C-alpha atoms as a PDB file:
ATOM      1  CA  MET A   1      -7.402 -18.723 202.588  1.00  0.00           C
ATOM      2  CA  THR A   2      -8.521 -15.254 201.262  1.00  0.00           C
ATOM      3  CA  VAL A   3      -9.728 -11.579 203.382  1.00  0.00           C
ATOM      4  CA  ILE A   4     -13.992 -12.049 201.890  1.00  0.00           C
ATOM      5  CA  ALA A   5     -15.558  -9.000 203.303  1.00  0.00           C
ATOM      6  CA  ASP A   6     -17.989 -10.187 205.992  1.00  0.00           C
ATOM      7  CA  TRP A   7     -20.613  -7.390 207.469  1.00  0.00           C
ATOM      8  CA  LEU A   8     -21.208  -4.193 204.869  1.00  0.00           C
ATOM      9  CA  ASP A   9     -23.231  -0.796 206.709  1.00  0.00           C
ATOM     10  CA  VAL A  10     -23.649   1.306 204.064  1.00  0.00           C
ATOM     11  CA  THR A  11     -25.656   5.144 204.906  1.00  0.00           C
ATOM     12  CA  TYR A  12     -26.989   7.932 202.637  1.00  0.00           C
ATOM     13  CA  SER A  13     -28.815  11.399 202.517  1.00  0.00           C
ATOM     14  CA  PRO A  14     -32.159   9.875 202.500  1.00  0.00           C
ATOM     15  CA  GLU A  15     -32.527  12.173 199.746  1.00  0.00           C
ATOM     16  CA  ASN A  16     -30.240  10.256 197.911  1.00  0.00           C
ATOM     17  CA  THR A  17     -29.958   6.997 198.043  1.00  0.00           C
ATOM     18  CA  PRO A  18     -29.630   3.993 195.276  1.00  0.00           C
ATOM     19  CA  GLU A  19     -32.121   1.758 196.254  1.00  0.00           C
ATOM     20  CA  GLN A  20     -33.423   0.644 192.905  1.00  0.00           C
ATOM     21  CA  ALA A  21     -30.487  -0.010 191.798  1.00  0.00           C
ATOM     22  CA  VAL A  22     -29.532  -1.598 194.205  1.00  0.00           C
ATOM     23  CA  THR A  23     -33.248  -4.100 195.029  1.00  0.00           C
ATOM     24  CA  ASP A  24     -32.312  -4.479 191.136  1.00  0.00           C
ATOM     25  CA  VAL A  25     -28.740  -6.779 191.680  1.00  0.00           C
ATOM     26  CA  LEU A  26     -30.373  -8.410 194.642  1.00  0.00           C
ATOM     27  CA  GLN A  27     -33.550  -9.224 193.247  1.00  0.00           C
ATOM     28  CA  SER A  28     -31.198 -10.440 189.693  1.00  0.00           C
ATOM     29  CA  ALA A  29     -29.444 -13.130 193.086  1.00  0.00           C
ATOM     30  CA  GLY A  30     -32.883 -14.811 193.272  1.00  0.00           C
ATOM     31  CA  ALA A  31     -33.287 -11.553 196.543  1.00  0.00           C
ATOM     32  CA  MET A  32     -36.914 -12.222 197.865  1.00  0.00           C
ATOM     33  CA  HIS A  33     -38.655  -9.266 199.105  1.00  0.00           C
ATOM     34  CA  LEU A  34     -40.151 -10.094 202.866  1.00  0.00           C
ATOM     35  CA  HIS A  35     -41.654  -6.430 203.637  1.00  0.00           C
ATOM     36  CA  SER A  36     -41.857  -2.707 203.353  1.00  0.00           C
ATOM     37  CA  ASP A  37     -44.087  -0.189 205.994  1.00  0.00           C
ATOM     38  CA  ASN A  38     -42.114   3.601 206.545  1.00  0.00           C
ATOM     39  CA  ARG A  39     -39.145   2.464 208.476  1.00  0.00           C
ATOM     40  CA  GLY A  40     -37.940   0.355 205.959  1.00  0.00           C
ATOM     41  CA  SER A  41     -37.618  -2.949 203.903  1.00  0.00           C
ATOM     42  CA  THR A  42     -36.283  -6.452 204.310  1.00  0.00           C
ATOM     43  CA  TRP A  43     -34.912  -8.847 201.753  1.00  0.00           C
ATOM     44  CA  ARG A  44     -34.403 -12.067 202.110  1.00  0.00           C
ATOM     45  CA  VAL A  45     -30.976 -13.274 200.083  1.00  0.00           C
ATOM     46  CA  GLY A  46     -30.462 -16.797 199.939  1.00  0.00           C
ATOM     47  CA  VAL A  47     -29.694 -17.937 203.525  1.00  0.00           C
ATOM     48  CA  GLY A  48     -29.436 -14.019 205.025  1.00  0.00           C
ATOM     49  CA  VAL A  49     -31.263 -10.894 205.448  1.00  0.00           C
ATOM     50  CA  CYS A  50     -30.558  -7.477 203.492  1.00  0.00           C
ATOM     51  CA  LYS A  51     -32.317  -4.712 205.485  1.00  0.00           C
ATOM     52  CA  ILE A  52     -32.775  -0.573 204.049  1.00  0.00           C
ATOM     53  CA  GLN A  53     -33.420   1.204 206.876  1.00  0.00           C
ATOM     54  CA  TYR A  54     -35.671   4.942 206.873  1.00  0.00           C
ATOM     55  CA  SER A  55     -34.935   7.511 208.925  1.00  0.00           C
ATOM     56  CA  GLY A  56     -35.492  11.311 209.213  1.00  0.00           C
ATOM     57  CA  HIS A  57     -31.896  12.130 208.893  1.00  0.00           C
ATOM     58  CA  PHE A  58     -30.501   8.634 207.183  1.00  0.00           C
ATOM     59  CA  HIS A  59     -30.885   5.989 204.942  1.00  0.00           C
ATOM     60  CA  ARG A  60     -29.078   2.826 205.307  1.00  0.00           C
ATOM     61  CA  PHE A  61     -28.443  -0.076 203.825  1.00  0.00           C
ATOM     62  CA  SER A  62     -27.055  -3.470 205.633  1.00  0.00           C
ATOM     63  CA  ALA A  63     -26.292  -6.315 204.469  1.00  0.00           C
ATOM     64  CA  SER A  64     -24.837  -9.564 206.052  1.00  0.00           C
ATOM     65  CA  GLY A  65     -22.154 -11.479 205.533  1.00  0.00           C
ATOM     66  CA  ALA A  66     -24.837 -14.298 204.789  1.00  0.00           C
ATOM     67  CA  VAL A  67     -25.857 -11.955 201.753  1.00  0.00           C
ATOM     68  CA  LEU A  68     -22.949 -11.120 200.743  1.00  0.00           C
ATOM     69  CA  GLY A  69     -20.989 -14.884 200.292  1.00  0.00           C
ATOM     70  CA  HIS A  70     -24.257 -15.422 198.728  1.00  0.00           C
ATOM     71  CA  LEU A  71     -23.855 -12.307 196.528  1.00  0.00           C
ATOM     72  CA  ARG A  72     -20.563 -13.553 195.713  1.00  0.00           C
ATOM     73  CA  ALA A  73     -21.554 -16.451 195.078  1.00  0.00           C
ATOM     74  CA  SER A  74     -24.156 -15.315 192.703  1.00  0.00           C
ATOM     75  CA  GLY A  75     -21.167 -13.571 190.998  1.00  0.00           C
ATOM     76  CA  VAL A  76     -23.118  -9.810 191.662  1.00  0.00           C
ATOM     77  CA  TYR A  77     -20.774  -9.109 194.554  1.00  0.00           C
ATOM     78  CA  MET A  78     -18.986  -6.362 192.288  1.00  0.00           C
ATOM     79  CA  ASP A  79     -22.529  -5.401 190.864  1.00  0.00           C
ATOM     80  CA  TYR A  80     -23.904  -4.607 194.314  1.00  0.00           C
ATOM     81  CA  LEU A  81     -20.832  -2.541 195.076  1.00  0.00           C
ATOM     82  CA  SER A  82     -20.902  -1.026 192.668  1.00  0.00           C
ATOM     83  CA  ALA A  83     -24.998   0.239 192.665  1.00  0.00           C
ATOM     84  CA  LEU A  84     -24.621   1.582 195.706  1.00  0.00           C
ATOM     85  CA  SER A  85     -21.846   3.497 195.498  1.00  0.00           C
ATOM     86  CA  GLU A  86     -24.348   5.223 192.847  1.00  0.00           C
ATOM     87  CA  SER A  87     -25.325   8.556 195.242  1.00  0.00           C
ATOM     88  CA  PRO A  88     -22.700  10.508 197.636  1.00  0.00           C
ATOM     89  CA  HIS A  89     -22.245   7.672 200.841  1.00  0.00           C
ATOM     90  CA  GLN A  90     -20.922   6.660 204.249  1.00  0.00           C
ATOM     91  CA  VAL A  91     -19.779   3.165 204.797  1.00  0.00           C
ATOM     92  CA  THR A  92     -20.490   3.035 208.594  1.00  0.00           C
ATOM     93  CA  ARG A  93     -19.627  -0.803 209.572  1.00  0.00           C
ATOM     94  CA  LEU A  94     -17.188  -2.873 207.633  1.00  0.00           C
ATOM     95  CA  ASP A  95     -15.981  -6.968 208.844  1.00  0.00           C
ATOM     96  CA  ALA A  96     -13.445  -8.320 207.634  1.00  0.00           C
ATOM     97  CA  ALA A  97     -12.560 -11.944 208.018  1.00  0.00           C
ATOM     98  CA  HIS A  98      -9.955 -14.163 207.162  1.00  0.00           C
ATOM     99  CA  ASP A  99      -9.976 -18.193 207.639  1.00  0.00           C
ATOM    100  CA  VAL A 100      -7.432 -20.521 208.402  1.00  0.00           C
ATOM    101  CA  ALA A 101      -7.846 -24.523 208.032  1.00  0.00           C
ATOM    102  CA  THR A 102      -6.481 -24.854 211.673  1.00  0.00           C
ATOM    103  CA  ASP A 103      -8.126 -25.638 215.050  1.00  0.00           C
ATOM    104  CA  ALA A 104      -9.557 -23.532 217.113  1.00  0.00           C
ATOM    105  CA  ALA A 105      -9.580 -24.404 220.574  1.00  0.00           C
ATOM    106  CA  PRO A 106      -5.335 -24.330 221.395  1.00  0.00           C
ATOM    107  CA  ILE A 107      -5.459 -20.434 219.152  1.00  0.00           C
ATOM    108  CA  ILE A 108      -7.578 -19.501 221.809  1.00  0.00           C
ATOM    109  CA  ALA A 109      -6.437 -20.331 224.564  1.00  0.00           C
ATOM    110  CA  LYS A 110      -2.687 -18.902 223.671  1.00  0.00           C
ATOM    111  CA  LEU A 111      -4.912 -15.833 222.544  1.00  0.00           C
ATOM    112  CA  ARG A 112      -6.478 -16.324 226.128  1.00  0.00           C
ATOM    113  CA  LYS A 113      -3.540 -16.298 227.771  1.00  0.00           C
ATOM    114  CA  ARG A 114      -1.309 -13.081 225.928  1.00  0.00           C
ATOM    115  CA  TYR A 115      -4.060 -11.002 226.171  1.00  0.00           C
ATOM    116  CA  PRO A 116      -5.868 -11.834 230.158  1.00  0.00           C
ATOM    117  CA  ARG A 117      -7.200  -8.940 230.441  1.00  0.00           C
ATOM    118  CA  GLU A 118      -7.004  -6.630 227.320  1.00  0.00           C
ATOM    119  CA  CYS A 119      -5.672  -6.142 223.698  1.00  0.00           C
ATOM    120  CA  HIS A 120      -4.894  -3.753 221.590  1.00  0.00           C
ATOM    121  CA  LEU A 121      -5.875  -3.037 218.096  1.00  0.00           C
ATOM    122  CA  THR A 122      -5.336   0.121 217.975  1.00  0.00           C
ATOM    123  CA  ARG A 123      -3.378   2.905 220.085  1.00  0.00           C
ATOM    124  CA  LYS A 124      -6.388   1.778 222.329  1.00  0.00           C
ATOM    125  CA  GLY A 125      -6.778  -1.258 224.744  1.00  0.00           C
ATOM    126  CA  LEU A 126     -10.145  -2.613 225.082  1.00  0.00           C
ATOM    127  CA  ARG A 127     -10.867  -5.596 226.958  1.00  0.00           C
ATOM    128  CA  THR A 128     -11.042  -9.268 226.243  1.00  0.00           C
ATOM    129  CA  LYS A 129     -13.681 -11.471 226.984  1.00  0.00           C
ATOM    130  CA  SER A 130     -14.585 -15.399 226.127  1.00  0.00           C
ATOM    131  CA  ILE A 131     -17.721 -17.253 225.945  1.00  0.00           C
ATOM    132  CA  LEU A 132     -16.856 -20.695 225.552  1.00  0.00           C
ATOM    133  CA  ALA A 133     -18.841 -24.263 225.435  1.00  0.00           C
ATOM    134  CA  THR A 134     -17.462 -27.697 225.232  1.00  0.00           C
ATOM    135  CA  ARG A 135     -17.325 -29.759 222.381  1.00  0.00           C
ATOM    136  CA  GLU A 136     -17.653 -33.357 221.961  1.00  0.00           C
ATOM    137  CA  ASP A 137     -14.365 -33.847 221.751  1.00  0.00           C
ATOM    138  CA  GLY A 138     -13.996 -32.873 225.292  1.00  0.00           C
ATOM    139  CA  LYS A 139     -12.031 -29.371 224.397  1.00  0.00           C
ATOM    140  CA  GLU A 140     -13.128 -25.788 224.922  1.00  0.00           C
ATOM    141  CA  SER A 141     -13.951 -23.599 222.245  1.00  0.00           C
ATOM    142  CA  GLY A 142     -15.858 -20.870 221.017  1.00  0.00           C
ATOM    143  CA  THR A 143     -15.734 -17.664 220.840  1.00  0.00           C
ATOM    144  CA  TRP A 144     -13.008 -14.673 221.847  1.00  0.00           C
ATOM    145  CA  TYR A 145     -13.513 -11.124 221.591  1.00  0.00           C
ATOM    146  CA  VAL A 146     -11.613  -8.188 221.818  1.00  0.00           C
ATOM    147  CA  GLY A 147     -13.756  -4.995 222.550  1.00  0.00           C
ATOM    148  CA  HIS A 148     -17.397  -6.407 222.907  1.00  0.00           C
ATOM    149  CA  MET A 149     -20.326  -5.478 222.643  1.00  0.00           C
ATOM    150  CA  SER A 150     -18.401  -1.404 222.916  1.00  0.00           C
ATOM    151  CA  ARG A 151     -18.584   1.528 221.069  1.00  0.00           C
ATOM    152  CA  ALA A 152     -14.770   0.869 219.801  1.00  0.00           C
ATOM    153  CA  ARG A 153     -13.635   2.252 215.920  1.00  0.00           C
ATOM    154  CA  VAL A 154     -12.179  -1.423 215.464  1.00  0.00           C
ATOM    155  CA  THR A 155     -12.988  -4.183 217.617  1.00  0.00           C
ATOM    156  CA  ALA A 156     -12.193  -8.022 216.648  1.00  0.00           C
ATOM    157  CA  ARG A 157     -13.416 -11.489 217.513  1.00  0.00           C
ATOM    158  CA  VAL A 158     -11.556 -15.159 216.376  1.00  0.00           C
ATOM    159  CA  TYR A 159     -14.179 -17.971 216.528  1.00  0.00           C
ATOM    160  CA  ASP A 160     -14.677 -21.664 216.379  1.00  0.00           C
ATOM    161  CA  LYS A 161     -16.282 -21.502 212.910  1.00  0.00           C
ATOM    162  CA  GLN A 162     -16.163 -25.658 212.969  1.00  0.00           C
ATOM    163  CA  LEU A 163     -18.702 -25.195 216.194  1.00  0.00           C
ATOM    164  CA  GLU A 164     -20.310 -22.820 214.712  1.00  0.00           C
ATOM    165  CA  ALA A 165     -21.868 -25.320 211.727  1.00  0.00           C
ATOM    166  CA  LEU A 166     -22.580 -27.792 214.262  1.00  0.00           C
ATOM    167  CA  ASP A 167     -24.547 -25.856 216.728  1.00  0.00           C
ATOM    168  CA  LYS A 168     -26.245 -23.413 213.907  1.00  0.00           C
ATOM    169  CA  ARG A 169     -26.927 -25.693 210.754  1.00  0.00           C
ATOM    170  CA  ASP A 170     -25.975 -29.375 212.868  1.00  0.00           C
ATOM    171  CA  GLU A 171     -23.439 -29.064 209.320  1.00  0.00           C
ATOM    172  CA  ARG A 172     -19.472 -30.866 210.118  1.00  0.00           C
ATOM    173  CA  ILE A 173     -17.035 -29.437 208.273  1.00  0.00           C
ATOM    174  CA  PRO A 174     -13.212 -29.799 208.710  1.00  0.00           C
ATOM    175  CA  PRO A 175     -11.095 -27.837 211.496  1.00  0.00           C
ATOM    176  CA  ARG A 176     -11.506 -23.510 210.836  1.00  0.00           C
ATOM    177  CA  THR A 177     -10.415 -20.688 212.695  1.00  0.00           C
ATOM    178  CA  ARG A 178     -11.902 -17.304 211.640  1.00  0.00           C
ATOM    179  CA  TYR A 179     -10.766 -13.943 212.594  1.00  0.00           C
ATOM    180  CA  GLU A 180     -13.005 -11.310 212.641  1.00  0.00           C
ATOM    181  CA  VAL A 181     -12.495  -7.861 212.726  1.00  0.00           C
ATOM    182  CA  THR A 182     -14.895  -4.661 212.551  1.00  0.00           C
ATOM    183  CA  ILE A 183     -14.720  -0.944 211.279  1.00  0.00           C
ATOM    184  CA  LYS A 184     -16.256   0.908 211.984  1.00  0.00           C
ATOM    185  CA  SER A 185     -17.037   4.803 210.103  1.00  0.00           C
ATOM    186  CA  ASP A 186     -14.481   7.382 212.562  1.00  0.00           C
ATOM    187  CA  ILE A 187     -11.702   5.183 211.111  1.00  0.00           C
ATOM    188  CA  GLY A 188     -12.366   6.130 207.333  1.00  0.00           C
ATOM    189  CA  PRO A 189     -13.088   2.385 204.873  1.00  0.00           C
ATOM    190  CA  SER A 190     -14.868   2.554 201.772  1.00  0.00           C
ATOM    191  CA  LEU A 191     -16.865   0.330 199.193  1.00  0.00           C
ATOM    192  CA  ARG A 192     -13.103  -0.030 198.186  1.00  0.00           C
ATOM    193  CA  ASP A 193     -11.949  -2.209 201.119  1.00  0.00           C
ATOM    194  CA  ALA A 194     -15.100  -4.028 200.425  1.00  0.00           C
ATOM    195  CA  ALA A 195     -14.486  -4.656 197.139  1.00  0.00           C
ATOM    196  CA  GLU A 196     -10.347  -5.459 198.829  1.00  0.00           C
ATOM    197  CA  PRO A 197     -10.631  -6.029 201.956  1.00  0.00           C
ATOM    198  CA  GLU A 198      -7.080  -7.763 202.669  1.00  0.00           C
ATOM    199  CA  SER A 199      -5.676  -3.892 203.692  1.00  0.00           C
ATOM    200  CA  ILE A 200      -7.236  -3.200 206.002  1.00  0.00           C
ATOM    201  CA  PHE A 201      -8.035  -6.047 207.804  1.00  0.00           C
ATOM    202  CA  TRP A 202      -3.825  -6.978 208.216  1.00  0.00           C
ATOM    203  CA  HIS A 203      -3.815  -3.322 209.446  1.00  0.00           C
ATOM    204  CA  PHE A 204      -5.617  -3.857 212.250  1.00  0.00           C
ATOM    205  CA  ALA A 205      -4.937  -7.906 212.885  1.00  0.00           C
ATOM    206  CA  SER A 206      -1.103  -7.428 212.510  1.00  0.00           C
ATOM    207  CA  PRO A 207      -0.001  -7.863 215.568  1.00  0.00           C
ATOM    208  CA  ALA A 208      -2.284  -8.718 217.754  1.00  0.00           C
ATOM    209  CA  LEU A 209      -4.113 -11.292 216.275  1.00  0.00           C
ATOM    210  CA  LEU A 210      -2.242 -12.878 213.562  1.00  0.00           C
ATOM    211  CA  LYS A 211       1.808 -11.845 211.354  1.00  0.00           C
ATOM    212  CA  ARG A 212       1.493  -9.541 207.916  1.00  0.00           C
ATOM    213  CA  PRO A 213       1.898 -11.222 205.064  1.00  0.00           C
ATOM    214  CA  GLU A 214       4.935  -8.793 203.115  1.00  0.00           C
ATOM    215  CA  ASN A 215       2.888  -9.034 199.956  1.00  0.00           C
ATOM    216  CA  VAL A 216      -0.039  -6.659 201.303  1.00  0.00           C
ATOM    217  CA  LYS A 217      -0.590  -3.485 200.628  1.00  0.00           C
ATOM    218  CA  ARG A 218      -0.591  -0.973 203.145  1.00  0.00           C
ATOM    219  CA  TRP A 219      -3.513   0.597 204.163  1.00  0.00           C
ATOM    220  CA  VAL A 220      -4.949   3.894 205.535  1.00  0.00           C
ATOM    221  CA  SER A 221      -7.787   5.884 204.663  1.00  0.00           C
ATOM    222  CA  GLY A 222      -8.829   6.650 201.117  1.00  0.00           C
ATOM    223  CA  TRP A 223      -5.971   4.764 199.497  1.00  0.00           C
ATOM    224  CA  GLY A 224      -6.430   4.144 196.506  1.00  0.00           C
ATOM    225  CA  GLY A 225      -8.221   6.962 195.929  1.00  0.00           C
ATOM    226  CA  GLY A 226     -12.391   6.815 194.841  1.00  0.00           C
ATOM    227  CA  TRP A 227     -13.773   3.038 194.204  1.00  0.00           C
ATOM    228  CA  ASN A 228     -14.688   2.719 190.663  1.00  0.00           C
ATOM    229  CA  TYR A 229     -17.139  -0.067 188.829  1.00  0.00           C
ATOM    230  CA  VAL A 230     -18.693  -0.893 186.066  1.00  0.00           C
ATOM    231  CA  ARG A 231     -21.611  -2.959 186.343  1.00  0.00           C
ATOM    232  CA  GLU A 232     -23.525  -4.442 183.294  1.00  0.00           C
ATOM    233  CA  GLN A 233     -27.475  -2.479 182.990  1.00  0.00           C
ATOM    234  CA  PRO A 234     -29.519  -5.825 184.207  1.00  0.00           C
ATOM    235  CA  VAL A 235     -32.671  -5.894 180.816  1.00  0.00           C
ATOM    236  CA  LEU A 236     -35.514  -5.528 183.311  1.00  0.00           C
ATOM    237  CA  ALA A 237     -37.395  -7.602 180.959  1.00  0.00           C
ATOM    238  CA  ALA A 238     -35.605 -10.291 181.868  1.00  0.00           C
ATOM    239  CA  LEU A 239     -35.256 -10.552 184.538  1.00  0.00           C
ATOM    240  CA  VAL A 240     -38.856 -10.342 185.366  1.00  0.00           C
ATOM    241  CA  LYS A 241     -38.959 -13.787 183.156  1.00  0.00           C
ATOM    242  CA  SER A 242     -36.211 -15.649 185.431  1.00  0.00           C
ATOM    243  CA  ARG A 243     -38.013 -13.741 189.432  1.00  0.00           C
ATOM    244  CA  ILE A 244     -41.114 -15.261 187.523  1.00  0.00           C
ATOM    245  CA  GLU A 245     -40.034 -18.663 186.329  1.00  0.00           C
ATOM    246  CA  ALA A 246     -37.352 -19.235 189.869  1.00  0.00           C
ATOM    247  CA  SER A 247     -39.915 -18.278 192.683  1.00  0.00           C
ATOM    248  CA  ALA A 248     -40.319 -21.077 195.267  1.00  0.00           C
ATOM    249  CA  ASP A 249     -43.530 -18.856 196.839  1.00  0.00           C
ATOM    250  CA  LEU A 250     -45.461 -18.904 193.331  1.00  0.00           C
ATOM    251  CA  GLN A 251     -44.940 -22.929 192.415  1.00  0.00           C
ATOM    252  CA  SER A 252     -45.972 -23.873 195.936  1.00  0.00           C
ATOM    253  CA  ILE A 253     -48.912 -21.308 194.983  1.00  0.00           C
ATOM    254  CA  LEU A 254     -50.095 -23.103 192.219  1.00  0.00           C
ATOM    255  CA  ALA A 255     -49.100 -26.904 193.437  1.00  0.00           C
ATOM    256  CA  LEU A 256     -51.619 -25.356 196.052  1.00  0.00           C
ATOM    257  CA  ALA A 257     -54.088 -24.325 193.776  1.00  0.00           C
ATOM    258  CA  ASP A 258     -53.147 -27.667 191.556  1.00  0.00           C
ATOM    259  CA  ARG A 259     -54.853 -29.749 195.249  1.00  0.00           C
ATOM    260  CA  ALA A 260     -57.177 -27.588 195.493  1.00  0.00           C
ATOM    261  CA  ASP A 261     -58.442 -28.181 192.054  1.00  0.00           C
ATOM    262  CA  CYS A 262     -59.006 -24.003 191.433  1.00  0.00           C
ATOM    263  CA  LEU A 263     -55.971 -22.462 189.480  1.00  0.00           C
ATOM    264  CA  ASP A 264     -58.838 -21.387 186.802  1.00  0.00           C
ATOM    265  CA  TRP A 265     -59.771 -19.407 190.081  1.00  0.00           C
ATOM    266  CA  CYS A 266     -56.061 -18.803 191.016  1.00  0.00           C
ATOM    267  CA  LYS A 267     -55.655 -17.570 188.019  1.00  0.00           C
ATOM    268  CA  GLN A 268     -58.616 -15.085 188.049  1.00  0.00           C
ATOM    269  CA  ILE A 269     -56.575 -14.299 191.105  1.00  0.00           C
ATOM    270  CA  LEU A 270     -53.873 -13.073 189.656  1.00  0.00           C
ATOM    271  CA  LEU A 271     -54.499 -11.184 187.347  1.00  0.00           C
ATOM    272  CA  ARG A 272     -56.764  -9.015 189.543  1.00  0.00           C
ATOM    273  CA  THR A 273     -53.782  -8.730 191.188  1.00  0.00           C
ATOM    274  CA  ILE A 274     -51.885  -6.891 188.266  1.00  0.00           C
ATOM    275  CA  ASP A 275     -55.023  -4.884 186.971  1.00  0.00           C
ATOM    276  CA  GLY A 276     -55.231  -3.639 190.914  1.00  0.00           C
ATOM    277  CA  PHE A 277     -51.158  -2.476 190.398  1.00  0.00           C
ATOM    278  CA  GLU A 278     -51.726  -1.336 186.643  1.00  0.00           C
ATOM    279  CA  ARG A 279     -54.617   1.438 188.269  1.00  0.00           C
ATOM    280  CA  GLN A 280     -52.601   1.941 191.085  1.00  0.00           C
ATOM    281  CA  HIS A 281     -49.079   2.184 189.331  1.00  0.00           C
ATOM    282  CA  ALA A 282     -50.156   3.491 185.644  1.00  0.00           C
ATOM    283  CA  PRO A 283     -53.191   5.198 186.372  1.00  0.00           C
ATOM    284  CA  GLU A 284     -52.718   6.511 182.497  1.00  0.00           C
ATOM    285  CA  ALA A 285     -53.103   3.923 179.120  1.00  0.00           C
ATOM    286  CA  SER A 286     -50.029   3.273 177.825  1.00  0.00           C
ATOM    287  CA  PRO A 287     -49.031   0.811 175.243  1.00  0.00           C
ATOM    288  CA  ALA A 288     -48.582  -2.772 175.220  1.00  0.00           C
ATOM    289  CA  PHE A 289     -45.550  -3.540 175.638  1.00  0.00           C
ATOM    290  CA  GLU A 290     -43.422  -5.165 172.348  1.00  0.00           C
ATOM    291  CA  PRO A 291     -39.954  -6.685 174.652  1.00  0.00           C
ATOM    292  CA  THR A 292     -36.459  -5.158 172.283  1.00  0.00           C
ATOM    293  CA  PRO A 293     -34.313  -7.837 170.479  1.00  0.00           C
ATOM    294  CA  ASP A 294     -31.947  -7.325 173.127  1.00  0.00           C
ATOM    295  CA  MET A 295     -34.127  -8.686 175.307  1.00  0.00           C
ATOM    296  CA  VAL A 296     -35.744 -11.484 173.766  1.00  0.00           C
ATOM    297  CA  ALA A 297     -31.727 -12.427 173.234  1.00  0.00           C
ATOM    298  CA  TYR A 298     -31.004 -11.735 176.982  1.00  0.00           C
ATOM    299  CA  ALA A 299     -34.094 -13.573 177.821  1.00  0.00           C
ATOM    300  CA  SER A 300     -33.070 -16.334 175.999  1.00  0.00           C
ATOM    301  CA  LYS A 301     -29.475 -16.555 177.249  1.00  0.00           C
ATOM    302  CA  ILE A 302     -30.263 -16.887 180.701  1.00  0.00           C
ATOM    303  CA  ALA A 303     -33.160 -19.203 180.027  1.00  0.00           C
END
């Protein structure tokens, strides 16, 4: 199985962030805006959460592994990275993960025996720790950590994905072990590493955790120069159309209004809400919207 990015934090100057470009990509993947205030905003993306944090010194865009997985499944993961790259930035956390189709219990047992106190992912050894539980088959399994809850620049964990799926989602999957390495900003990870995480994963996972494949490129900070990916700019009118038509919240509201026999009243509320938005955001009169032929063609393609 390949290596994937399983968490990504990117930090910006408060004066220059690509928030609009990023949220456009999230919405193209069906994201739902959950909350905004002066401290940031939160988006539900699939079953994951993407948070945009505001402070006086920085803005941080943080996407969980579930978010990145949903973006990959939706075909817009590279578009997301491209949007993040539009402003000067620093990757402050990157998790790179690799799964093997093997039962985790004996793997964790071997790691605990090999590294009872500490393990070296870099020159500095880090404390090891295990959190285990007894599975249905009577075997002990769970998670083995290197540098758990520390401020180390590189940490790792090896855990039982099969057990996690059963415990968290009551889902039964074949045996699977996940090896995951977390790299912080001091090491110098980049968006290229988020796009192609194999090199940075094996640089730190081998030889302590796994044997490095022969065909993996050697990693150094800044390898390959700058990273660039040209994304197709979304047609915003078509994006609005698809978001409205795919909105589960809107469908639930309409179904509730239908049960209450007040669909006409619901229409009036929606129109008043739109009018209020127009007064707040567009105080000056503007010409009526007319979609261009490109917008119409794109809307027809995704309909």
